């Protein structure tokens, strides 16, 4: 149960508005209230790259502190920015600590850095079984979350794919979703943001919209948000706030994988 903002922005003020909108949405969420809670208070984090004077800088942060109580959430953006921000509400039985806040970070076999965050989750036990099938094992699964397992499965597929472009990310994400579906391990909602800083010194940003529980559609839906110099995929509560700030909104409405950077591209699931 989480809130998500993935974006590409050439407008520093708009990037800050998107960040602030997530902070406000995480503090009080009218859609979450219908599911039995009010706020996303189990941590937050981000992964993004900013390009200034032709040079990329990479930024990663996460904490158990609620986003609205953390002074680090008041970021000032400079230059061209690509990445995502995530606010977490832990699912029942999942650990609550800074490690378990999103994004999670993995390393591809080529050294690419993979940052992953999710709104929703998977069936943890079946995810562990799939890990064994791809040659991975866990010493103590009680200390990790279902989303971390999703990321391990994704990273395994990602490392086996060739190339450095965004299609590698799309294919690995598609394979991860398909194997979960095949084994019955998919969650009712598995919206996933993947930010890769590749070994060729370039960022890639891909988001999947995956919702099968229509009773949670209002909470889980993702929206395409467009500003004057920004584009993003955002959770429903954030979309409400951004629309009042002048952003154009359109719900995705179907299960899709969307590339936000280095170009806009989508493929149906």
Protein backbone atom coordinates (compact mmCIF):
# COMPACT_ATOMS: atom_id res chain seq x y z
CA UNK A 1 0.00 0.00 0.00
CA UNK A 2 2.06 2.90 -1.25
CA UNK A 3 2.07 6.15 -3.20
CA UNK A 4 4.29 6.74 -6.18
CA UNK A 5 5.52 9.58 -8.39
CA UNK A 6 7.77 8.76 -11.37
CA UNK A 7 8.71 11.75 -13.49
CA UNK A 8 10.87 13.42 -16.10
CA UNK A 9 11.17 17.18 -15.69
CA UNK A 10 12.90 20.11 -17.33
CA UNK A 11 11.05 22.52 -15.04
CA UNK A 12 12.59 22.77 -11.58
CA UNK A 13 9.47 24.27 -10.01
CA UNK A 14 7.24 21.53 -11.43
CA UNK A 15 9.57 18.84 -10.06
CA UNK A 16 9.28 20.43 -6.63
CA UNK A 17 5.47 20.60 -6.96
CA UNK A 18 5.34 16.86 -7.73
CA UNK A 19 7.53 16.13 -4.72
CA UNK A 20 5.37 18.30 -2.46
CA UNK A 21 2.20 16.68 -3.81
CA UNK A 22 3.45 13.24 -2.81
CA UNK A 23 4.35 14.54 0.64
CA UNK A 24 0.82 15.91 1.11
CA UNK A 25 -0.80 12.77 -0.29
CA UNK A 26 1.24 10.52 1.98
CA UNK A 27 0.10 12.44 5.05
CA UNK A 28 -3.64 12.25 4.34
CA UNK A 29 -5.06 9.97 1.66
CA UNK A 30 -8.81 9.96 1.05
CA UNK A 31 -8.63 6.84 -1.12
CA UNK A 32 -6.65 4.96 1.53
CA UNK A 33 -9.31 5.81 4.11
CA UNK A 34 -11.68 3.47 2.28
CA UNK A 35 -9.13 0.68 2.78
CA UNK A 36 -8.83 1.26 6.52
CA UNK A 37 -5.92 3.68 6.95
CA UNK A 38 -5.24 7.38 6.50
CA UNK A 39 -1.54 7.89 5.84
CA UNK A 40 1.57 6.29 4.37
CA UNK A 41 3.74 6.55 7.45
CA UNK A 42 6.21 3.65 7.10
CA UNK A 43 8.98 5.51 5.32
CA UNK A 44 9.77 7.06 1.98
CA UNK A 45 12.60 7.39 -0.49
CA UNK A 46 13.74 8.39 -3.94
CA UNK A 47 16.12 7.55 -6.76
CA UNK A 48 16.79 10.07 -9.50
CA UNK A 49 19.42 11.54 -11.77
CA UNK A 50 19.86 15.23 -12.56
CA UNK A 51 21.74 16.57 -15.55
CA UNK A 52 23.51 19.89 -15.08
CA UNK A 53 25.91 21.32 -17.68
CA UNK A 54 25.81 18.05 -19.59
CA UNK A 55 26.85 15.91 -16.61
CA UNK A 56 24.65 13.45 -14.71
CA UNK A 57 24.46 13.28 -10.93
CA UNK A 58 22.85 10.29 -9.19
CA UNK A 59 20.81 10.59 -5.97
CA UNK A 60 19.40 7.87 -3.70
CA UNK A 61 17.78 8.19 -0.29
CA UNK A 62 15.35 6.33 1.95
CA UNK A 63 14.27 6.34 5.58
CA UNK A 64 11.64 4.97 7.95
CA UNK A 65 10.70 8.56 8.88
CA UNK A 66 7.33 9.60 7.37
CA UNK A 67 7.84 11.89 4.40
CA UNK A 68 5.99 14.84 5.94
CA UNK A 69 8.18 14.69 9.08
CA UNK A 70 11.48 14.53 7.22
CA UNK A 71 13.28 17.82 6.43
CA UNK A 72 15.04 16.02 3.56
CA UNK A 73 11.71 15.91 1.70
CA UNK A 74 12.00 19.63 0.88
CA UNK A 75 14.28 19.17 -2.11
CA UNK A 76 15.36 21.85 -4.55
CA UNK A 77 15.80 20.45 -8.05
CA UNK A 78 18.30 21.78 -10.56
CA UNK A 79 18.63 20.94 -14.23
CA UNK A 80 16.95 18.06 -16.05
CA UNK A 81 15.67 15.37 -13.64
CA UNK A 82 14.61 11.73 -14.14
CA UNK A 83 13.50 9.32 -11.41
CA UNK A 84 10.86 8.39 -8.87
CA UNK A 85 9.76 9.06 -5.30
CA UNK A 86 7.88 6.59 -3.11
CA UNK A 87 5.94 6.77 0.18
CA UNK A 88 5.23 3.49 1.98
CA UNK A 89 2.45 1.93 4.01
CA UNK A 90 3.65 -1.52 5.02
CA UNK A 91 1.41 -4.48 4.28
CA UNK A 92 0.36 -6.64 7.21
CA UNK A 93 3.21 -8.79 8.49
CA UNK A 94 5.93 -6.95 6.57
CA UNK A 95 8.93 -5.41 8.37
CA UNK A 96 8.99 -1.69 9.13
CA UNK A 97 12.46 -0.18 9.02
CA UNK A 98 14.67 1.95 6.81
CA UNK A 99 15.92 -1.03 4.80
CA UNK A 100 12.32 -1.95 3.95
CA UNK A 101 11.47 1.54 2.71
CA UNK A 102 11.54 1.88 -1.07
CA UNK A 103 13.41 2.13 -3.38
CA UNK A 104 15.35 -1.12 -3.17
CA UNK A 105 18.68 -1.19 -4.95
CA UNK A 106 20.14 -4.07 -6.96
CA UNK A 107 23.14 -4.44 -9.26
CA UNK A 108 22.99 -5.96 -12.73
CA UNK A 109 25.77 -8.24 -13.95
CA UNK A 110 27.07 -5.39 -16.10
CA UNK A 111 27.24 -3.08 -13.09
CA UNK A 112 24.03 -1.19 -13.87
CA UNK A 113 22.29 0.12 -10.75
CA UNK A 114 18.63 -0.88 -10.48
CA UNK A 115 16.27 1.00 -8.15
CA UNK A 116 12.78 -0.43 -7.66
CA UNK A 117 9.67 0.69 -5.81
CA UNK A 118 6.17 -0.75 -5.79
CA UNK A 119 2.57 0.10 -4.98
CA UNK A 120 1.02 -3.23 -4.03
CA UNK A 121 2.92 -6.48 -3.76
CA UNK A 122 3.09 -10.20 -4.48
CA UNK A 123 2.38 -13.43 -2.64
CA UNK A 124 5.62 -13.74 -0.72
CA UNK A 125 5.74 -17.53 -0.39
CA UNK A 126 5.28 -18.11 -4.09
CA UNK A 127 7.83 -15.40 -4.81
CA UNK A 128 10.38 -17.32 -2.73
CA UNK A 129 9.65 -20.46 -4.75
CA UNK A 130 10.23 -18.55 -7.99
CA UNK A 131 13.55 -17.29 -6.60
CA UNK A 132 14.68 -20.89 -6.20
CA UNK A 133 13.74 -21.56 -9.81
CA UNK A 134 16.03 -18.76 -11.01
CA UNK A 135 18.90 -20.01 -8.83
CA UNK A 136 18.58 -17.68 -5.85
CA UNK A 137 18.01 -18.42 -2.17
CA UNK A 138 17.38 -16.46 1.03
CA UNK A 139 18.95 -17.07 4.43
CA UNK A 140 16.10 -15.45 6.37
CA UNK A 141 13.00 -14.41 4.45
CA UNK A 142 11.31 -13.01 7.59
CA UNK A 143 13.47 -9.88 7.41
CA UNK A 144 12.57 -8.89 3.87
CA UNK A 145 9.43 -7.80 2.07
CA UNK A 146 7.50 -9.21 -0.85
CA UNK A 147 8.56 -6.25 -2.98
CA UNK A 148 12.23 -6.97 -2.28
CA UNK A 149 11.61 -10.50 -3.60
CA UNK A 150 9.89 -9.05 -6.69
CA UNK A 151 13.01 -6.96 -7.24
CA UNK A 152 15.32 -9.97 -6.92
CA UNK A 153 13.30 -11.81 -9.56
CA UNK A 154 13.37 -8.74 -11.82
CA UNK A 155 17.13 -8.26 -11.33
CA UNK A 156 17.73 -11.89 -12.27
CA UNK A 157 15.83 -11.50 -15.55
CA UNK A 158 17.41 -8.10 -16.17
CA UNK A 159 20.94 -9.50 -15.82
CA UNK A 160 20.18 -12.22 -18.36
CA UNK A 161 18.94 -9.76 -21.00
CA UNK A 162 21.33 -8.31 -23.55
CA UNK A 163 21.82 -4.66 -24.38
CA UNK A 164 21.70 -1.48 -22.34
CA UNK A 165 18.53 0.17 -23.65
CA UNK A 166 15.08 0.53 -22.14
CA UNK A 167 13.72 -2.56 -23.93
CA UNK A 168 15.94 -4.64 -21.67
CA UNK A 169 14.08 -3.20 -18.67
CA UNK A 170 10.68 -3.63 -20.34
CA UNK A 171 11.36 -7.27 -21.22
CA UNK A 172 12.66 -8.11 -17.74
CA UNK A 173 9.66 -6.46 -16.11
CA UNK A 174 7.28 -8.28 -18.43
CA UNK A 175 8.99 -11.62 -17.68
CA UNK A 176 8.74 -10.98 -13.94
CA UNK A 177 5.01 -10.27 -14.14
CA UNK A 178 4.39 -13.26 -16.40
CA UNK A 179 6.17 -15.77 -14.16
CA UNK A 180 4.23 -14.48 -11.14
CA UNK A 181 0.97 -14.85 -13.06
CA UNK A 182 1.91 -18.35 -14.19
CA UNK A 183 2.63 -19.45 -10.62
CA UNK A 184 -0.30 -17.59 -9.08
CA UNK A 185 1.99 -15.27 -7.14
CA UNK A 186 0.78 -11.95 -8.56
CA UNK A 187 -0.74 -9.39 -6.22
CA UNK A 188 -4.04 -7.59 -6.58
CA UNK A 189 -2.02 -4.49 -7.41
CA UNK A 190 1.61 -4.49 -8.61
CA UNK A 191 2.33 -0.97 -9.86
CA UNK A 192 6.10 -0.87 -10.17
CA UNK A 193 8.67 1.85 -10.87
CA UNK A 194 12.10 0.81 -12.14
CA UNK A 195 14.88 3.38 -12.42
CA UNK A 196 18.10 2.06 -13.93
CA UNK A 197 21.37 3.94 -14.08
CA UNK A 198 23.03 1.93 -16.80
CA UNK A 199 26.67 1.09 -17.33
CA UNK A 200 26.73 3.42 -20.35
CA UNK A 201 26.19 6.35 -17.93
CA UNK A 202 22.55 7.03 -18.77
CA UNK A 203 19.28 6.74 -16.80
CA UNK A 204 16.25 4.66 -17.79
CA UNK A 205 12.81 5.07 -16.19
CA UNK A 206 10.06 2.48 -16.67
CA UNK A 207 6.73 2.08 -14.84
CA UNK A 208 4.20 -0.74 -14.97
CA UNK A 209 0.53 -0.34 -14.14
CA UNK A 210 -0.90 -3.66 -12.94
CA UNK A 211 -4.29 -3.78 -11.21
CA UNK A 212 -6.55 -6.86 -11.09
CA UNK A 213 -8.65 -6.05 -8.01
CA UNK A 214 -11.27 -3.63 -9.29
CA UNK A 215 -12.43 -2.91 -5.73
CA UNK A 216 -9.05 -1.20 -5.22
CA UNK A 217 -8.98 0.52 -8.59
CA UNK A 218 -9.69 3.97 -7.18
CA UNK A 219 -6.68 3.64 -4.87
CA UNK A 220 -4.36 1.76 -7.26
CA UNK A 221 -4.96 3.59 -10.55
CA UNK A 222 -2.00 5.39 -12.10
CA UNK A 223 -2.35 8.67 -13.97
CA UNK A 224 -0.28 10.26 -16.69
CA UNK A 225 0.52 13.77 -15.45
CA UNK A 226 1.66 16.44 -17.89
CA UNK A 227 2.92 19.89 -17.01
CA UNK A 228 4.58 22.58 -19.11
CA UNK A 229 7.97 20.90 -18.92
CA UNK A 230 7.30 17.69 -17.03
CA UNK A 231 5.66 14.32 -17.54
CA UNK A 232 5.06 11.63 -14.95
CA UNK A 233 3.07 8.66 -13.78
CA UNK A 234 1.51 9.24 -10.38
CA UNK A 235 -0.79 7.56 -7.87
CA UNK A 236 -4.43 8.61 -7.69
CA UNK A 237 -4.18 10.80 -4.59
CA UNK A 238 -1.20 12.64 -6.04
CA UNK A 239 -3.11 13.10 -9.30
CA UNK A 240 -5.90 14.88 -7.41
CA UNK A 241 -3.42 17.38 -5.99
CA UNK A 242 -1.46 17.91 -9.20
CA UNK A 243 -4.62 18.57 -11.21
CA UNK A 244 -5.36 21.49 -8.89
CA UNK A 245 -1.80 22.72 -9.58
CA UNK A 246 -2.53 22.91 -13.31
CA UNK A 247 -1.23 19.54 -14.50
CA UNK A 248 -3.22 17.65 -17.14
CA UNK A 249 -4.32 14.20 -15.96
CA UNK A 250 -5.28 11.01 -17.78
CA UNK A 251 -5.80 7.62 -16.13
CA UNK A 252 -3.93 4.74 -17.73
CA UNK A 253 -7.01 2.54 -17.39
CA UNK A 254 -5.32 -0.69 -18.46
CA UNK A 255 -2.38 -2.83 -17.45
CA UNK A 256 0.58 -1.37 -19.29
CA UNK A 257 4.33 -0.93 -19.15
CA UNK A 258 5.32 2.67 -19.86
CA UNK A 259 8.80 3.98 -20.61
CA UNK A 260 9.19 7.59 -19.45
CA UNK A 261 12.88 7.98 -20.32
CA UNK A 262 14.83 8.07 -22.63
CA UNK A 263 11.64 8.31 -24.70
CA UNK A 264 7.91 7.80 -24.22
CA UNK A 265 6.94 4.26 -25.15
CA UNK A 266 4.27 1.85 -23.92
CA UNK A 267 3.36 -1.80 -24.31
CA UNK A 268 0.18 -3.53 -23.12
CA UNK A 269 0.41 -6.35 -20.58
